């Protein structure tokens, strides 16, 4: 998987910088992993929400409002 290529495509599509688009990709990947952990019962709903909030702070996704 070429994250740089994916990030560049997202950047172009949403008129954002490469750094912003990379943050989007990283955030989306973190959500995928978090969903797996929740599905397997490793994290609770409360923990999921807490981790998601930390991920939003870390990655500062530009499209955060879309993810809510």
PDB file of N, CA and C in Angstrom:
ATOM      1  N   UNK A   1       0.849  -1.168   0.000  1.00  0.00           N
ATOM      2  CA  UNK A   1       0.000   0.000   0.000  1.00  0.00           C
ATOM      3  C   UNK A   1       0.898   1.236   0.000  1.00  0.00           C
ATOM      4  N   UNK A   2       0.699   2.107  -0.941  1.00  0.00           N
ATOM      5  CA  UNK A   2       1.501   3.315  -1.049  1.00  0.00           C
ATOM      6  C   UNK A   2       0.740   4.484  -0.418  1.00  0.00           C
ATOM      7  N   UNK A   3       1.047   4.763   0.853  1.00  0.00           N
ATOM      8  CA  UNK A   3       0.328   5.804   1.587  1.00  0.00           C
ATOM      9  C   UNK A   3       0.544   7.183   0.981  1.00  0.00           C
ATOM     10  N   UNK A   4       1.730   7.409   0.418  1.00  0.00           N
ATOM     11  CA  UNK A   4       1.997   8.712  -0.204  1.00  0.00           C
ATOM     12  C   UNK A   4       1.063   8.935  -1.386  1.00  0.00           C
ATOM     13  N   UNK A   5       0.857   7.894  -2.197  1.00  0.00           N
ATOM     14  CA  UNK A   5      -0.026   8.009  -3.362  1.00  0.00           C
ATOM     15  C   UNK A   5      -1.469   8.238  -2.915  1.00  0.00           C
ATOM     16  N   UNK A   6      -1.894   7.469  -1.926  1.00  0.00           N
ATOM     17  CA  UNK A   6      -3.259   7.632  -1.406  1.00  0.00           C
ATOM     18  C   UNK A   6      -3.429   9.033  -0.842  1.00  0.00           C
ATOM     19  N   UNK A   7      -2.436   9.487  -0.066  1.00  0.00           N
ATOM     20  CA  UNK A   7      -2.494  10.832   0.510  1.00  0.00           C
ATOM     21  C   UNK A   7      -2.558  11.905  -0.551  1.00  0.00           C
ATOM     22  N   UNK A   8      -1.786  11.742  -1.624  1.00  0.00           N
ATOM     23  CA  UNK A   8      -1.782  12.726  -2.713  1.00  0.00           C
ATOM     24  C   UNK A   8      -3.144  12.765  -3.402  1.00  0.00           C
ATOM     25  N   UNK A   9      -3.759  11.600  -3.585  1.00  0.00           N
ATOM     26  CA  UNK A   9      -5.082  11.548  -4.214  1.00  0.00           C
ATOM     27  C   UNK A   9      -6.134  12.243  -3.344  1.00  0.00           C
ATOM     28  N   UNK A  10      -6.085  11.989  -2.049  1.00  0.00           N
ATOM     29  CA  UNK A  10      -7.026  12.631  -1.126  1.00  0.00           C
ATOM     30  C   UNK A  10      -6.790  14.140  -1.121  1.00  0.00           C
ATOM     31  N   UNK A  11      -5.523  14.548  -1.126  1.00  0.00           N
ATOM     32  CA  UNK A  11      -5.184  15.975  -1.114  1.00  0.00           C
ATOM     33  C   UNK A  11      -5.782  16.670  -2.326  1.00  0.00           C
ATOM     34  N   UNK A  12      -5.624  16.051  -3.486  1.00  0.00           N
ATOM     35  CA  UNK A  12      -6.140  16.646  -4.709  1.00  0.00           C
ATOM     36  C   UNK A  12      -7.664  16.716  -4.685  1.00  0.00           C
ATOM     37  N   UNK A  13      -8.277  15.627  -4.245  1.00  0.00           N
ATOM     38  CA  UNK A  13      -9.740  15.544  -4.237  1.00  0.00           C
ATOM     39  C   UNK A  13     -10.371  16.571  -3.309  1.00  0.00           C
ATOM     40  N   UNK A  14      -9.746  16.812  -2.144  1.00  0.00           N
ATOM     41  CA  UNK A  14     -10.337  17.684  -1.138  1.00  0.00           C
ATOM     42  C   UNK A  14      -9.606  19.018  -0.987  1.00  0.00           C
ATOM     43  N   UNK A  15      -8.705  19.302  -1.939  1.00  0.00           N
ATOM     44  CA  UNK A  15      -7.967  20.563  -1.934  1.00  0.00           C
ATOM     45  C   UNK A  15      -7.297  20.824  -0.584  1.00  0.00           C
ATOM     46  N   UNK A  16      -6.436  19.898  -0.167  1.00  0.00           N
ATOM     47  CA  UNK A  16      -5.697  20.046   1.077  1.00  0.00           C
ATOM     48  C   UNK A  16      -4.230  19.737   0.812  1.00  0.00           C
ATOM     49  N   UNK A  17      -3.389  20.063   1.777  1.00  0.00           N
ATOM     50  CA  UNK A  17      -1.964  19.800   1.623  1.00  0.00           C
ATOM     51  C   UNK A  17      -1.690  18.301   1.748  1.00  0.00           C
ATOM     52  N   UNK A  18      -0.509  17.901   1.300  1.00  0.00           N
ATOM     53  CA  UNK A  18      -0.112  16.500   1.426  1.00  0.00           C
ATOM     54  C   UNK A  18      -0.100  16.094   2.899  1.00  0.00           C
ATOM     55  N   UNK A  19       0.411  16.967   3.763  1.00  0.00           N
ATOM     56  CA  UNK A  19       0.456  16.659   5.196  1.00  0.00           C
ATOM     57  C   UNK A  19      -0.951  16.442   5.755  1.00  0.00           C
ATOM     58  N   UNK A  20      -1.877  17.311   5.362  1.00  0.00           N
ATOM     59  CA  UNK A  20      -3.254  17.152   5.827  1.00  0.00           C
ATOM     60  C   UNK A  20      -3.842  15.827   5.331  1.00  0.00           C
ATOM     61  N   UNK A  21      -3.574  15.503   4.077  1.00  0.00           N
ATOM     62  CA  UNK A  21      -4.130  14.265   3.526  1.00  0.00           C
ATOM     63  C   UNK A  21      -3.498  13.042   4.185  1.00  0.00           C
ATOM     64  N   UNK A  22      -2.213  13.116   4.526  1.00  0.00           N
ATOM     65  CA  UNK A  22      -1.573  12.009   5.234  1.00  0.00           C
ATOM     66  C   UNK A  22      -2.207  11.834   6.611  1.00  0.00           C
ATOM     67  N   UNK A  23      -2.527  12.940   7.264  1.00  0.00           N
ATOM     68  CA  UNK A  23      -3.217  12.862   8.557  1.00  0.00           C
ATOM     69  C   UNK A  23      -4.565  12.168   8.399  1.00  0.00           C
ATOM     70  N   UNK A  24      -5.255  12.451   7.304  1.00  0.00           N
ATOM     71  CA  UNK A  24      -6.543  11.799   7.032  1.00  0.00           C
ATOM     72  C   UNK A  24      -6.350  10.292   6.902  1.00  0.00           C
ATOM     73  N   UNK A  25      -5.348   9.897   6.132  1.00  0.00           N
ATOM     74  CA  UNK A  25      -5.083   8.469   5.919  1.00  0.00           C
ATOM     75  C   UNK A  25      -4.724   7.802   7.242  1.00  0.00           C
ATOM     76  N   UNK A  26      -3.852   8.429   8.017  1.00  0.00           N
ATOM     77  CA  UNK A  26      -3.453   7.857   9.303  1.00  0.00           C
ATOM     78  C   UNK A  26      -4.650   7.745  10.247  1.00  0.00           C
ATOM     79  N   UNK A  27      -5.495   8.766  10.245  1.00  0.00           N
ATOM     80  CA  UNK A  27      -6.677   8.719  11.110  1.00  0.00           C
ATOM     81  C   UNK A  27      -7.608   7.580  10.685  1.00  0.00           C
ATOM     82  N   UNK A  28      -7.834   7.462   9.378  1.00  0.00           N
ATOM     83  CA  UNK A  28      -8.718   6.402   8.890  1.00  0.00           C
ATOM     84  C   UNK A  28      -8.159   5.022   9.228  1.00  0.00           C
ATOM     85  N   UNK A  29      -6.836   4.860   9.126  1.00  0.00           N
ATOM     86  CA  UNK A  29      -6.211   3.582   9.480  1.00  0.00           C
ATOM     87  C   UNK A  29      -6.390   3.298  10.971  1.00  0.00           C
ATOM     88  N   UNK A  30      -6.253   4.346  11.789  1.00  0.00           N
ATOM     89  CA  UNK A  30      -6.412   4.147  13.235  1.00  0.00           C
ATOM     90  C   UNK A  30      -7.833   3.705  13.563  1.00  0.00           C
ATOM     91  N   UNK A  31      -8.804   4.242  12.851  1.00  0.00           N
ATOM     92  CA  UNK A  31     -10.204   3.864  13.064  1.00  0.00           C
ATOM     93  C   UNK A  31     -10.428   2.406  12.669  1.00  0.00           C
ATOM     94  N   UNK A  32      -9.819   1.988  11.564  1.00  0.00           N
ATOM     95  CA  UNK A  32      -9.954   0.590  11.135  1.00  0.00           C
ATOM     96  C   UNK A  32      -9.422  -0.355  12.212  1.00  0.00           C
ATOM     97  N   UNK A  33      -8.241  -0.040  12.754  1.00  0.00           N
ATOM     98  CA  UNK A  33      -7.664  -0.870  13.809  1.00  0.00           C
ATOM     99  C   UNK A  33      -8.525  -0.824  15.073  1.00  0.00           C
ATOM    100  N   UNK A  34      -9.020   0.350  15.391  1.00  0.00           N
ATOM    101  CA  UNK A  34      -9.855   0.505  16.573  1.00  0.00           C
ATOM    102  C   UNK A  34     -11.151  -0.289  16.430  1.00  0.00           C
ATOM    103  N   UNK A  35     -11.722  -0.287  15.234  1.00  0.00           N
ATOM    104  CA  UNK A  35     -12.936  -1.082  14.980  1.00  0.00           C
ATOM    105  C   UNK A  35     -12.674  -2.572  15.199  1.00  0.00           C
ATOM    106  N   UNK A  36     -11.514  -3.040  14.752  1.00  0.00           N
ATOM    107  CA  UNK A  36     -11.154  -4.447  14.948  1.00  0.00           C
ATOM    108  C   UNK A  36     -11.049  -4.762  16.438  1.00  0.00           C
ATOM    109  N   UNK A  37     -10.379  -3.877  17.184  1.00  0.00           N
ATOM    110  CA  UNK A  37     -10.232  -4.091  18.628  1.00  0.00           C
ATOM    111  C   UNK A  37     -11.589  -4.114  19.325  1.00  0.00           C
ATOM    112  N   UNK A  38     -12.492  -3.258  18.895  1.00  0.00           N
ATOM    113  CA  UNK A  38     -13.828  -3.212  19.496  1.00  0.00           C
ATOM    114  C   UNK A  38     -14.616  -4.477  19.154  1.00  0.00           C
ATOM    115  N   UNK A  39     -14.547  -4.878  17.888  1.00  0.00           N
ATOM    116  CA  UNK A  39     -15.252  -6.086  17.455  1.00  0.00           C
ATOM    117  C   UNK A  39     -14.789  -7.318  18.217  1.00  0.00           C
ATOM    118  N   UNK A  40     -13.502  -7.385  18.523  1.00  0.00           N
ATOM    119  CA  UNK A  40     -12.947  -8.540  19.240  1.00  0.00           C
ATOM    120  C   UNK A  40     -13.145  -8.426  20.746  1.00  0.00           C
ATOM    121  N   UNK A  41     -13.758  -7.333  21.202  1.00  0.00           N
ATOM    122  CA  UNK A  41     -14.028  -7.158  22.618  1.00  0.00           C
ATOM    123  C   UNK A  41     -12.818  -6.729  23.425  1.00  0.00           C
ATOM    124  N   UNK A  42     -11.784  -6.247  22.749  1.00  0.00           N
ATOM    125  CA  UNK A  42     -10.564  -5.827  23.432  1.00  0.00           C
ATOM    126  C   UNK A  42     -10.734  -4.436  24.038  1.00  0.00           C
ATOM    127  N   UNK A  43     -11.535  -3.582  23.373  1.00  0.00           N
ATOM    128  CA  UNK A  43     -11.835  -2.258  23.929  1.00  0.00           C
ATOM    129  C   UNK A  43     -13.346  -2.102  24.052  1.00  0.00           C
ATOM    130  N   UNK A  44     -13.756  -1.374  25.065  1.00  0.00           N
ATOM    131  CA  UNK A  44     -15.183  -1.112  25.298  1.00  0.00           C
ATOM    132  C   UNK A  44     -15.613   0.118  24.500  1.00  0.00           C
ATOM    133  N   UNK A  45     -16.907   0.409  24.530  1.00  0.00           N
ATOM    134  CA  UNK A  45     -17.414   1.605  23.855  1.00  0.00           C
ATOM    135  C   UNK A  45     -16.785   2.870  24.436  1.00  0.00           C
ATOM    136  N   UNK A  46     -16.642   2.898  25.743  1.00  0.00           N
ATOM    137  CA  UNK A  46     -16.048   4.067  26.410  1.00  0.00           C
ATOM    138  C   UNK A  46     -14.584   4.225  25.995  1.00  0.00           C
ATOM    139  N   UNK A  47     -13.846   3.122  26.012  1.00  0.00           N
ATOM    140  CA  UNK A  47     -12.434   3.165  25.602  1.00  0.00           C
ATOM    141  C   UNK A  47     -12.305   3.569  24.139  1.00  0.00           C
ATOM    142  N   UNK A  48     -13.208   3.048  23.310  1.00  0.00           N
ATOM    143  CA  UNK A  48     -13.220   3.391  21.884  1.00  0.00           C
ATOM    144  C   UNK A  48     -13.338   4.906  21.719  1.00  0.00           C
ATOM    145  N   UNK A  49     -14.290   5.497  22.408  1.00  0.00           N
ATOM    146  CA  UNK A  49     -14.515   6.945  22.308  1.00  0.00           C
ATOM    147  C   UNK A  49     -13.290   7.724  22.795  1.00  0.00           C
ATOM    148  N   UNK A  50     -12.683   7.264  23.875  1.00  0.00           N
ATOM    149  CA  UNK A  50     -11.502   7.944  24.410  1.00  0.00           C
ATOM    150  C   UNK A  50     -10.329   7.854  23.443  1.00  0.00           C
ATOM    151  N   UNK A  51     -10.100   6.674  22.895  1.00  0.00           N
ATOM    152  CA  UNK A  51      -8.996   6.496  21.947  1.00  0.00           C
ATOM    153  C   UNK A  51      -9.249   7.293  20.676  1.00  0.00           C
ATOM    154  N   UNK A  52     -10.497   7.281  20.210  1.00  0.00           N
ATOM    155  CA  UNK A  52     -10.837   8.049  19.004  1.00  0.00           C
ATOM    156  C   UNK A  52     -10.564   9.533  19.229  1.00  0.00           C
ATOM    157  N   UNK A  53     -10.913  10.049  20.389  1.00  0.00           N
ATOM    158  CA  UNK A  53     -10.663  11.463  20.691  1.00  0.00           C
ATOM    159  C   UNK A  53      -9.159  11.749  20.668  1.00  0.00           C
ATOM    160  N   UNK A  54      -8.362  10.868  21.245  1.00  0.00           N
ATOM    161  CA  UNK A  54      -6.907  11.044  21.224  1.00  0.00           C
ATOM    162  C   UNK A  54      -6.371  10.995  19.797  1.00  0.00           C
ATOM    163  N   UNK A  55      -6.919  10.093  18.985  1.00  0.00           N
ATOM    164  CA  UNK A  55      -6.488  10.008  17.586  1.00  0.00           C
ATOM    165  C   UNK A  55      -6.841  11.285  16.826  1.00  0.00           C
ATOM    166  N   UNK A  56      -8.003  11.837  17.095  1.00  0.00           N
ATOM    167  CA  UNK A  56      -8.388  13.098  16.435  1.00  0.00           C
ATOM    168  C   UNK A  56      -7.429  14.221  16.826  1.00  0.00           C
ATOM    169  N   UNK A  57      -7.009  14.232  18.093  1.00  0.00           N
ATOM    170  CA  UNK A  57      -6.054  15.246  18.542  1.00  0.00           C
ATOM    171  C   UNK A  57      -4.687  15.028  17.897  1.00  0.00           C
ATOM    172  N   UNK A  58      -4.276  13.776  17.789  1.00  0.00           N
ATOM    173  CA  UNK A  58      -2.963  13.448  17.233  1.00  0.00           C
ATOM    174  C   UNK A  58      -2.882  13.730  15.741  1.00  0.00           C
ATOM    175  N   UNK A  59      -3.903  13.309  15.006  1.00  0.00           N
ATOM    176  CA  UNK A  59      -3.862  13.407  13.553  1.00  0.00           C
ATOM    177  C   UNK A  59      -4.531  14.656  13.006  1.00  0.00           C
ATOM    178  N   UNK A  60      -5.339  15.329  13.807  1.00  0.00           N
ATOM    179  CA  UNK A  60      -6.057  16.532  13.379  1.00  0.00           C
ATOM    180  C   UNK A  60      -6.647  16.399  11.979  1.00  0.00           C
ATOM    181  N   UNK A  61      -7.507  15.398  11.790  1.00  0.00           N
ATOM    182  CA  UNK A  61      -8.059  15.219  10.444  1.00  0.00           C
ATOM    183  C   UNK A  61      -8.910  16.425  10.030  1.00  0.00           C
ATOM    184  N   UNK A  62      -8.667  16.893   8.822  1.00  0.00           N
ATOM    185  CA  UNK A  62      -9.402  18.056   8.308  1.00  0.00           C
ATOM    186  C   UNK A  62     -10.877  17.731   8.109  1.00  0.00           C
ATOM    187  N   UNK A  63     -11.166  16.488   7.842  1.00  0.00           N
ATOM    188  CA  UNK A  63     -12.542  16.071   7.578  1.00  0.00           C
ATOM    189  C   UNK A  63     -13.212  15.503   8.814  1.00  0.00           C
ATOM    190  N   UNK A  64     -12.744  15.879  10.010  1.00  0.00           N
ATOM    191  CA  UNK A  64     -13.246  15.327  11.270  1.00  0.00           C
ATOM    192  C   UNK A  64     -14.764  15.435  11.387  1.00  0.00           C
ATOM    193  N   UNK A  65     -15.342  16.513  10.908  1.00  0.00           N
ATOM    194  CA  UNK A  65     -16.790  16.695  11.024  1.00  0.00           C
ATOM    195  C   UNK A  65     -17.549  15.626  10.227  1.00  0.00           C
ATOM    196  N   UNK A  66     -16.924  15.140   9.174  1.00  0.00           N
ATOM    197  CA  UNK A  66     -17.553  14.098   8.350  1.00  0.00           C
ATOM    198  C   UNK A  66     -17.582  12.768   9.083  1.00  0.00           C
ATOM    199  N   UNK A  67     -16.577  12.533   9.949  1.00  0.00           N
ATOM    200  CA  UNK A  67     -16.452  11.260  10.635  1.00  0.00           C
ATOM    201  C   UNK A  67     -17.373  11.111  11.828  1.00  0.00           C
ATOM    202  N   UNK A  68     -17.998  12.183  12.288  1.00  0.00           N
ATOM    203  CA  UNK A  68     -18.834  12.115  13.487  1.00  0.00           C
ATOM    204  C   UNK A  68     -20.121  11.393  13.176  1.00  0.00           C
TER     205      UNK A  68
END
